[in-house]
């Protein structure tokens, strides 16, 4: 199965979160667009990419965009990862017995990140780390919200153009 492409409808889901809450795509879409990233804590590219998604989350904090993650690991391991990498956005836990939500999105690699419009349509589908695609997600959010873009790259910071998942 291939990852869901731009134009496809994002499958709805509800997952338990690291903080014992519930992560619901439908609830998040009621507030506006969603940046959704699937990851595995042992994945070096995930370790590289997720702090940049945190910058997007911080850059649009208080606005109608939601950044959220879906971990393919246990609650305890994901909680340690969240703390180590300074992630404040909500993280759902996909069941490692069947990876039902990951499979619904057609995942082959982690990280895989989607920009989902408030309508539920996938606007951008990105596998691995791609600076161009993460920048496109940031620019699309900026245009949708009519807000200044989040600063995802700091001055003088050297950032890889691409890292496979």
N, C-alpha and C. Protein backbone atom coordinates (compact mmCIF):
# COMPACT_ATOMS: atom_id res chain seq x y z
N UNK A 1 0.84 -1.18 0.00
CA UNK A 1 0.00 0.00 0.00
C UNK A 1 0.88 1.24 0.00
N UNK A 2 0.50 2.23 -0.78
CA UNK A 2 1.25 3.49 -0.83
C UNK A 2 0.62 4.49 0.12
N UNK A 3 1.47 5.42 0.59
CA UNK A 3 1.01 6.47 1.48
C UNK A 3 -0.07 7.29 0.77
N UNK A 4 -1.06 7.73 1.55
CA UNK A 4 -2.14 8.53 0.97
C UNK A 4 -1.56 9.81 0.36
N UNK A 5 -1.92 10.11 -0.88
CA UNK A 5 -1.37 11.29 -1.56
C UNK A 5 -2.22 12.54 -1.32
N UNK A 6 -1.68 13.65 -1.76
CA UNK A 6 -2.45 14.90 -1.75
C UNK A 6 -3.72 14.68 -2.55
N UNK A 7 -4.82 15.21 -2.05
CA UNK A 7 -6.12 15.06 -2.69
C UNK A 7 -6.98 13.97 -2.07
N UNK A 8 -6.34 12.99 -1.40
CA UNK A 8 -7.11 11.92 -0.75
C UNK A 8 -7.76 12.44 0.53
N UNK A 9 -8.82 11.79 0.93
CA UNK A 9 -9.49 12.12 2.20
C UNK A 9 -8.73 11.43 3.33
N UNK A 10 -8.40 12.18 4.37
CA UNK A 10 -7.70 11.61 5.53
C UNK A 10 -8.68 10.76 6.34
N UNK A 11 -8.30 9.53 6.67
CA UNK A 11 -9.18 8.70 7.49
C UNK A 11 -9.30 9.28 8.91
N UNK A 12 -10.51 9.32 9.41
CA UNK A 12 -10.71 9.80 10.78
C UNK A 12 -10.20 8.76 11.76
N UNK A 13 -9.79 9.22 12.94
CA UNK A 13 -9.34 8.30 13.98
C UNK A 13 -9.46 8.94 15.34
N UNK A 14 -9.47 8.08 16.35
CA UNK A 14 -9.40 8.48 17.76
C UNK A 14 -8.37 7.56 18.39
N UNK A 15 -7.39 8.15 19.06
CA UNK A 15 -6.33 7.38 19.70
C UNK A 15 -6.11 7.87 21.13
N UNK A 16 -5.71 6.96 22.01
CA UNK A 16 -5.31 7.42 23.35
C UNK A 16 -4.02 8.23 23.21
N UNK A 17 -3.84 9.19 24.10
CA UNK A 17 -2.63 10.02 24.04
C UNK A 17 -1.65 9.66 25.14
N UNK A 18 -0.47 10.20 25.01
CA UNK A 18 0.57 10.02 26.02
C UNK A 18 0.08 10.51 27.38
N UNK A 19 -0.70 11.59 27.38
CA UNK A 19 -1.18 12.19 28.63
C UNK A 19 -2.52 11.63 29.09
N UNK A 20 -2.91 10.46 28.57
CA UNK A 20 -4.14 9.76 28.94
C UNK A 20 -5.41 10.45 28.46
N UNK A 21 -5.30 11.27 27.44
CA UNK A 21 -6.47 11.88 26.82
C UNK A 21 -6.82 11.13 25.55
N UNK A 22 -7.53 11.81 24.65
CA UNK A 22 -7.92 11.22 23.37
C UNK A 22 -7.53 12.19 22.27
N UNK A 23 -6.89 11.68 21.24
CA UNK A 23 -6.52 12.46 20.06
C UNK A 23 -7.51 12.11 18.96
N UNK A 24 -8.24 13.10 18.48
CA UNK A 24 -9.27 12.89 17.46
C UNK A 24 -8.99 13.80 16.27
N UNK A 25 -8.85 13.20 15.11
CA UNK A 25 -8.63 14.01 13.92
C UNK A 25 -9.85 14.88 13.64
N UNK A 26 -11.04 14.33 13.75
CA UNK A 26 -12.25 15.11 13.48
C UNK A 26 -12.34 16.34 14.39
N UNK A 27 -12.05 16.16 15.67
CA UNK A 27 -12.09 17.29 16.60
C UNK A 27 -11.09 18.36 16.20
N UNK A 28 -9.89 17.94 15.83
CA UNK A 28 -8.85 18.91 15.44
C UNK A 28 -9.25 19.64 14.16
N UNK A 29 -9.84 18.93 13.21
CA UNK A 29 -10.23 19.55 11.94
C UNK A 29 -11.34 20.58 12.13
N UNK A 30 -12.13 20.46 13.18
CA UNK A 30 -13.16 21.47 13.46
C UNK A 30 -12.52 22.82 13.78
N UNK A 31 -11.29 22.80 14.28
CA UNK A 31 -10.58 24.04 14.62
C UNK A 31 -9.83 24.62 13.42
N UNK A 32 -9.54 23.79 12.41
CA UNK A 32 -8.79 24.26 11.24
C UNK A 32 -7.86 23.17 10.73
N UNK A 33 -6.87 23.57 9.91
CA UNK A 33 -5.96 22.58 9.32
C UNK A 33 -5.14 21.85 10.39
N UNK A 34 -4.67 20.66 9.99
CA UNK A 34 -3.91 19.80 10.90
C UNK A 34 -2.60 19.38 10.24
N UNK A 35 -1.51 19.49 11.00
CA UNK A 35 -0.24 18.90 10.61
C UNK A 35 -0.12 17.62 11.43
N UNK A 36 -0.10 16.48 10.76
CA UNK A 36 -0.11 15.18 11.41
C UNK A 36 1.15 14.42 11.02
N UNK A 37 1.94 14.02 12.02
CA UNK A 37 3.17 13.30 11.74
C UNK A 37 3.21 11.96 12.47
N UNK A 38 3.45 10.90 11.73
CA UNK A 38 3.61 9.56 12.28
C UNK A 38 5.10 9.32 12.50
N UNK A 39 5.45 8.70 13.64
CA UNK A 39 6.87 8.50 13.94
C UNK A 39 7.10 7.27 14.80
N UNK A 40 8.35 6.88 14.84
CA UNK A 40 8.85 5.81 15.69
C UNK A 40 10.03 6.40 16.45
N UNK A 41 10.10 6.20 17.74
CA UNK A 41 11.11 6.88 18.55
C UNK A 41 12.53 6.45 18.23
N UNK A 42 12.73 5.25 17.69
CA UNK A 42 14.08 4.77 17.36
C UNK A 42 14.55 5.24 15.99
N UNK A 43 13.72 5.93 15.26
CA UNK A 43 14.02 6.38 13.89
C UNK A 43 14.85 7.66 13.95
N UNK A 44 16.11 7.62 13.45
CA UNK A 44 16.95 8.82 13.47
C UNK A 44 16.35 10.00 12.69
N UNK A 45 15.66 9.72 11.60
CA UNK A 45 15.05 10.81 10.84
C UNK A 45 13.89 11.43 11.61
N UNK A 46 13.17 10.62 12.37
CA UNK A 46 12.10 11.15 13.23
C UNK A 46 12.70 12.05 14.31
N UNK A 47 13.79 11.61 14.90
CA UNK A 47 14.48 12.40 15.92
C UNK A 47 14.93 13.74 15.34
N UNK A 48 15.31 13.75 14.08
CA UNK A 48 15.74 14.97 13.41
C UNK A 48 14.54 15.86 13.08
N UNK A 49 13.47 15.27 12.56
CA UNK A 49 12.35 16.04 12.00
C UNK A 49 11.38 16.61 13.02
N UNK A 50 11.08 15.86 14.07
CA UNK A 50 10.01 16.30 14.96
C UNK A 50 10.28 17.63 15.68
N UNK A 51 11.52 17.94 16.05
CA UNK A 51 11.74 19.29 16.62
C UNK A 51 11.38 20.43 15.66
N UNK A 52 11.48 20.20 14.36
CA UNK A 52 11.06 21.23 13.40
C UNK A 52 9.54 21.36 13.40
N UNK A 53 8.84 20.25 13.59
CA UNK A 53 7.38 20.33 13.70
C UNK A 53 6.97 21.05 14.98
N UNK A 54 7.77 20.89 16.03
CA UNK A 54 7.52 21.65 17.27
C UNK A 54 7.63 23.15 17.00
N UNK A 55 8.56 23.54 16.15
CA UNK A 55 8.69 24.96 15.81
C UNK A 55 7.45 25.45 15.07
N UNK A 56 6.88 24.61 14.22
CA UNK A 56 5.62 24.98 13.56
C UNK A 56 4.52 25.12 14.61
N UNK A 57 4.45 24.15 15.52
CA UNK A 57 3.43 24.21 16.59
C UNK A 57 3.58 25.49 17.41
N UNK A 58 4.80 25.83 17.77
CA UNK A 58 5.03 27.05 18.56
C UNK A 58 4.74 28.30 17.75
N UNK A 59 5.10 28.29 16.47
CA UNK A 59 4.92 29.46 15.62
C UNK A 59 3.46 29.82 15.38
N UNK A 60 2.58 28.83 15.46
CA UNK A 60 1.15 29.08 15.24
C UNK A 60 0.32 28.84 16.50
N UNK A 61 0.98 28.81 17.64
CA UNK A 61 0.27 28.58 18.91
C UNK A 61 -0.84 29.62 19.07
N UNK A 62 -2.01 29.13 19.50
CA UNK A 62 -3.14 30.03 19.71
C UNK A 62 -3.93 30.33 18.45
N UNK A 63 -3.50 29.80 17.31
CA UNK A 63 -4.24 30.01 16.07
C UNK A 63 -4.99 28.73 15.71
N UNK A 64 -5.71 28.74 14.61
CA UNK A 64 -6.60 27.63 14.30
C UNK A 64 -5.94 26.48 13.54
N UNK A 65 -4.69 26.21 13.82
CA UNK A 65 -3.99 25.06 13.23
C UNK A 65 -3.56 24.14 14.38
N UNK A 66 -3.63 22.84 14.14
CA UNK A 66 -3.22 21.87 15.14
C UNK A 66 -2.08 21.04 14.61
N UNK A 67 -1.01 20.93 15.37
CA UNK A 67 0.08 20.01 15.07
C UNK A 67 -0.08 18.84 16.03
N UNK A 68 -0.03 17.62 15.49
CA UNK A 68 -0.14 16.45 16.36
C UNK A 68 0.66 15.30 15.79
N UNK A 69 1.06 14.41 16.68
CA UNK A 69 1.85 13.26 16.28
C UNK A 69 1.12 11.96 16.57
N UNK A 70 1.56 10.92 15.89
CA UNK A 70 1.09 9.57 16.18
C UNK A 70 2.34 8.71 16.34
N UNK A 71 2.51 8.18 17.53
CA UNK A 71 3.67 7.33 17.85
C UNK A 71 3.33 5.87 17.62
N UNK A 72 4.31 5.13 17.13
CA UNK A 72 4.17 3.69 16.97
C UNK A 72 4.86 2.95 18.11
N UNK A 73 5.00 3.62 19.24
CA UNK A 73 5.68 3.04 20.40
C UNK A 73 4.78 3.07 21.63
N UNK A 74 5.28 2.52 22.72
CA UNK A 74 4.52 2.48 23.97
C UNK A 74 4.38 3.87 24.57
N UNK A 75 3.43 4.01 25.48
CA UNK A 75 3.20 5.28 26.17
C UNK A 75 4.46 5.74 26.89
N UNK A 76 5.08 4.85 27.64
CA UNK A 76 6.26 5.22 28.44
C UNK A 76 7.42 5.66 27.55
N UNK A 77 7.70 4.90 26.50
CA UNK A 77 8.79 5.26 25.59
C UNK A 77 8.50 6.57 24.86
N UNK A 78 7.25 6.74 24.45
CA UNK A 78 6.87 7.97 23.75
C UNK A 78 6.97 9.17 24.67
N UNK A 79 6.58 9.00 25.93
CA UNK A 79 6.66 10.09 26.90
C UNK A 79 8.12 10.54 27.09
N UNK A 80 9.04 9.58 27.17
CA UNK A 80 10.47 9.91 27.28
C UNK A 80 10.95 10.66 26.04
N UNK A 81 10.54 10.19 24.87
CA UNK A 81 10.90 10.82 23.59
C UNK A 81 10.37 12.25 23.55
N UNK A 82 9.12 12.42 23.94
CA UNK A 82 8.49 13.74 23.94
C UNK A 82 9.27 14.71 24.82
N UNK A 83 9.68 14.25 25.98
CA UNK A 83 10.44 15.10 26.89
C UNK A 83 11.84 15.39 26.33
N UNK A 84 12.52 14.36 25.83
CA UNK A 84 13.88 14.53 25.32
C UNK A 84 13.95 15.51 24.16
N UNK A 85 12.94 15.49 23.29
CA UNK A 85 12.95 16.34 22.10
C UNK A 85 12.10 17.60 22.26
N UNK A 86 11.58 17.85 23.47
CA UNK A 86 10.87 19.09 23.77
C UNK A 86 9.59 19.26 22.97
N UNK A 87 8.82 18.20 22.81
CA UNK A 87 7.60 18.26 22.01
C UNK A 87 6.40 18.59 22.90
N UNK A 88 5.70 19.66 22.58
CA UNK A 88 4.55 20.07 23.38
C UNK A 88 3.23 19.70 22.73
N UNK A 89 3.25 19.37 21.44
CA UNK A 89 2.00 19.06 20.75
C UNK A 89 1.47 17.68 21.17
N UNK A 90 0.16 17.46 21.04
CA UNK A 90 -0.42 16.18 21.48
C UNK A 90 0.07 15.02 20.62
N UNK A 91 0.25 13.88 21.28
CA UNK A 91 0.74 12.68 20.59
C UNK A 91 -0.18 11.51 20.93
N UNK A 92 -0.74 10.92 19.88
CA UNK A 92 -1.56 9.73 20.02
C UNK A 92 -0.71 8.48 19.91
N UNK A 93 -1.23 7.39 20.42
CA UNK A 93 -0.51 6.12 20.44
C UNK A 93 -1.22 5.11 19.55
N UNK A 94 -0.57 4.77 18.43
CA UNK A 94 -1.13 3.76 17.53
C UNK A 94 -0.84 2.38 18.13
N UNK A 95 -1.79 1.50 18.07
CA UNK A 95 -1.66 0.18 18.69
C UNK A 95 -0.60 -0.65 17.95
N UNK A 96 0.53 -0.99 18.63
CA UNK A 96 1.58 -1.74 17.95
C UNK A 96 1.17 -3.16 17.56
N UNK A 97 0.03 -3.62 18.04
CA UNK A 97 -0.44 -4.95 17.66
C UNK A 97 -0.95 -4.96 16.22
N UNK A 98 -1.42 -3.78 15.73
CA UNK A 98 -1.96 -3.76 14.37
C UNK A 98 -1.69 -2.46 13.60
N UNK A 99 -1.17 -1.43 14.26
CA UNK A 99 -0.91 -0.14 13.62
C UNK A 99 -2.09 0.29 12.73
N UNK A 100 -3.27 0.19 13.29
CA UNK A 100 -4.49 0.44 12.52
C UNK A 100 -4.50 1.82 11.85
N UNK A 101 -4.13 2.86 12.59
CA UNK A 101 -4.18 4.22 12.03
C UNK A 101 -3.05 4.41 11.02
N UNK A 102 -1.86 3.96 11.36
CA UNK A 102 -0.72 4.06 10.42
C UNK A 102 -1.06 3.35 9.11
N UNK A 103 -1.65 2.17 9.21
CA UNK A 103 -2.01 1.42 8.00
C UNK A 103 -3.11 2.12 7.22
N UNK A 104 -4.04 2.76 7.90
CA UNK A 104 -5.11 3.48 7.21
C UNK A 104 -4.56 4.62 6.35
N UNK A 105 -3.43 5.18 6.78
CA UNK A 105 -2.78 6.25 6.02
C UNK A 105 -1.76 5.71 5.02
N UNK A 106 -1.59 4.38 4.97
CA UNK A 106 -0.70 3.77 3.99
C UNK A 106 0.77 3.93 4.30
N UNK A 107 1.12 4.02 5.56
CA UNK A 107 2.52 4.27 5.92
C UNK A 107 3.45 3.12 5.55
N UNK A 108 4.59 3.50 5.01
CA UNK A 108 5.69 2.59 4.76
C UNK A 108 6.91 3.05 5.55
N UNK A 109 7.06 4.36 5.68
CA UNK A 109 8.23 4.96 6.33
C UNK A 109 7.80 5.89 7.44
N UNK A 110 8.71 6.06 8.40
CA UNK A 110 8.55 7.12 9.40
C UNK A 110 9.78 7.99 9.29
N UNK A 111 9.64 9.28 9.52
CA UNK A 111 8.36 9.95 9.71
C UNK A 111 7.61 10.10 8.39
N UNK A 112 6.31 10.17 8.50
CA UNK A 112 5.45 10.58 7.40
C UNK A 112 4.56 11.67 7.96
N UNK A 113 4.55 12.80 7.26
CA UNK A 113 3.84 13.98 7.74
C UNK A 113 2.82 14.42 6.69
N UNK A 114 1.65 14.78 7.16
CA UNK A 114 0.57 15.23 6.29
C UNK A 114 0.11 16.63 6.72
N UNK A 115 -0.22 17.45 5.75
CA UNK A 115 -0.99 18.66 6.01
C UNK A 115 -2.40 18.34 5.54
N UNK A 116 -3.33 18.44 6.48
CA UNK A 116 -4.73 18.10 6.18
C UNK A 116 -5.56 19.37 6.32
N UNK A 117 -6.27 19.71 5.26
CA UNK A 117 -7.15 20.89 5.28
C UNK A 117 -8.31 20.65 6.22
N UNK A 118 -8.94 21.72 6.66
CA UNK A 118 -10.10 21.61 7.57
C UNK A 118 -11.22 20.77 6.97
N UNK A 119 -11.24 20.62 5.67
CA UNK A 119 -12.24 19.79 4.98
C UNK A 119 -11.93 18.30 5.12
N UNK A 120 -10.72 17.96 5.58
CA UNK A 120 -10.31 16.57 5.69
C UNK A 120 -9.49 16.09 4.51
N UNK A 121 -9.30 16.94 3.51
CA UNK A 121 -8.51 16.57 2.34
C UNK A 121 -7.02 16.74 2.65
N UNK A 122 -6.23 15.75 2.25
CA UNK A 122 -4.77 15.85 2.42
C UNK A 122 -4.25 16.83 1.38
N UNK A 123 -3.54 17.84 1.85
CA UNK A 123 -2.97 18.84 0.93
C UNK A 123 -1.51 18.53 0.60
N UNK A 124 -0.76 18.04 1.58
CA UNK A 124 0.64 17.68 1.38
C UNK A 124 0.90 16.37 2.10
N UNK A 125 1.60 15.48 1.43
CA UNK A 125 1.98 14.18 1.99
C UNK A 125 3.50 14.08 1.85
N UNK A 126 4.20 13.91 2.97
CA UNK A 126 5.67 13.96 2.97
C UNK A 126 6.25 12.77 3.72
N UNK A 127 7.09 11.99 3.05
CA UNK A 127 7.75 10.85 3.69
C UNK A 127 9.20 11.21 3.98
N UNK A 128 9.68 10.80 5.16
CA UNK A 128 11.05 11.13 5.55
C UNK A 128 11.14 12.59 5.94
N UNK A 129 12.31 13.17 5.83
CA UNK A 129 12.52 14.60 6.08
C UNK A 129 12.81 15.28 4.76
N UNK A 130 12.01 16.23 4.40
CA UNK A 130 12.23 17.05 3.21
C UNK A 130 12.04 18.50 3.63
N UNK A 131 13.12 19.25 3.61
CA UNK A 131 13.04 20.66 3.96
C UNK A 131 12.05 21.39 3.05
N UNK A 132 12.07 21.06 1.76
CA UNK A 132 11.16 21.71 0.82
C UNK A 132 9.70 21.43 1.18
N UNK A 133 9.39 20.18 1.55
CA UNK A 133 8.01 19.84 1.87
C UNK A 133 7.57 20.41 3.21
N UNK A 134 8.45 20.43 4.20
CA UNK A 134 8.11 21.03 5.49
C UNK A 134 7.92 22.54 5.31
N UNK A 135 8.76 23.15 4.47
CA UNK A 135 8.59 24.58 4.17
C UNK A 135 7.27 24.83 3.44
N UNK A 136 6.89 23.92 2.54
CA UNK A 136 5.62 24.05 1.83
C UNK A 136 4.45 23.95 2.81
N UNK A 137 4.56 23.05 3.78
CA UNK A 137 3.51 22.93 4.82
C UNK A 137 3.41 24.25 5.58
N UNK A 138 4.55 24.79 5.99
CA UNK A 138 4.57 26.05 6.73
C UNK A 138 3.96 27.18 5.88
N UNK A 139 4.34 27.25 4.61
CA UNK A 139 3.83 28.31 3.73
C UNK A 139 2.33 28.18 3.49
N UNK A 140 1.85 26.95 3.37
CA UNK A 140 0.42 26.72 3.14
C UNK A 140 -0.39 27.13 4.38
N UNK A 141 0.14 26.79 5.57
CA UNK A 141 -0.54 27.20 6.81
C UNK A 141 -0.57 28.72 6.89
N UNK A 142 0.56 29.34 6.61
CA UNK A 142 0.68 30.79 6.65
C UNK A 142 -0.36 31.44 5.73
N UNK A 143 -0.50 30.92 4.52
CA UNK A 143 -1.46 31.48 3.57
C UNK A 143 -2.89 31.24 4.03
N UNK A 144 -3.17 30.04 4.54
CA UNK A 144 -4.52 29.71 5.01
C UNK A 144 -4.93 30.60 6.17
N UNK A 145 -4.02 30.81 7.11
CA UNK A 145 -4.33 31.61 8.30
C UNK A 145 -4.16 33.11 8.07
N UNK A 146 -3.55 33.46 6.94
CA UNK A 146 -3.18 34.85 6.66
C UNK A 146 -2.39 35.42 7.83
N UNK A 147 -1.36 34.64 8.20
CA UNK A 147 -0.49 34.98 9.33
C UNK A 147 0.95 34.93 8.87
N UNK A 148 1.86 35.55 9.62
CA UNK A 148 3.27 35.43 9.27
C UNK A 148 3.71 33.97 9.40
N UNK A 149 4.67 33.53 8.58
CA UNK A 149 5.12 32.14 8.67
C UNK A 149 5.85 31.88 9.98
N UNK A 150 5.72 30.65 10.47
CA UNK A 150 6.47 30.24 11.65
C UNK A 150 7.95 30.17 11.28
N UNK A 151 8.81 30.52 12.21
CA UNK A 151 10.25 30.42 11.97
C UNK A 151 10.67 28.98 12.25
N UNK A 152 10.86 28.22 11.18
CA UNK A 152 11.24 26.82 11.38
C UNK A 152 12.75 26.60 11.26
N UNK A 153 13.43 27.53 10.63
CA UNK A 153 14.89 27.46 10.52
C UNK A 153 15.45 28.73 11.17
N UNK A 154 16.35 28.53 12.11
CA UNK A 154 16.96 29.67 12.80
C UNK A 154 18.15 30.19 12.01
N UNK A 155 18.41 31.47 12.12
CA UNK A 155 19.51 32.10 11.42
C UNK A 155 20.82 31.35 11.70
N UNK A 156 21.55 31.04 10.65
CA UNK A 156 22.84 30.37 10.79
C UNK A 156 22.76 28.87 10.99
N UNK A 157 21.56 28.34 11.10
CA UNK A 157 21.38 26.91 11.34
C UNK A 157 21.56 26.14 10.03
N UNK A 158 22.34 25.06 10.08
CA UNK A 158 22.53 24.21 8.92
C UNK A 158 21.51 23.08 8.99
N UNK A 159 20.68 22.99 7.95
CA UNK A 159 19.57 22.03 7.96
C UNK A 159 19.67 21.18 6.70
N UNK A 160 19.55 19.88 6.86
CA UNK A 160 19.59 18.95 5.73
C UNK A 160 18.42 19.20 4.80
N UNK A 161 18.67 19.10 3.50
CA UNK A 161 17.60 19.24 2.51
C UNK A 161 16.68 18.01 2.53
N UNK A 162 17.29 16.82 2.71
CA UNK A 162 16.52 15.59 2.67
C UNK A 162 17.19 14.52 3.52
N UNK A 163 16.39 13.75 4.21
CA UNK A 163 16.83 12.56 4.93
C UNK A 163 15.74 11.50 4.75
N UNK A 164 16.09 10.34 4.23
CA UNK A 164 15.07 9.31 4.03
C UNK A 164 14.54 8.78 5.35
N UNK A 165 13.31 8.28 5.34
CA UNK A 165 12.71 7.71 6.53
C UNK A 165 13.04 6.24 6.64
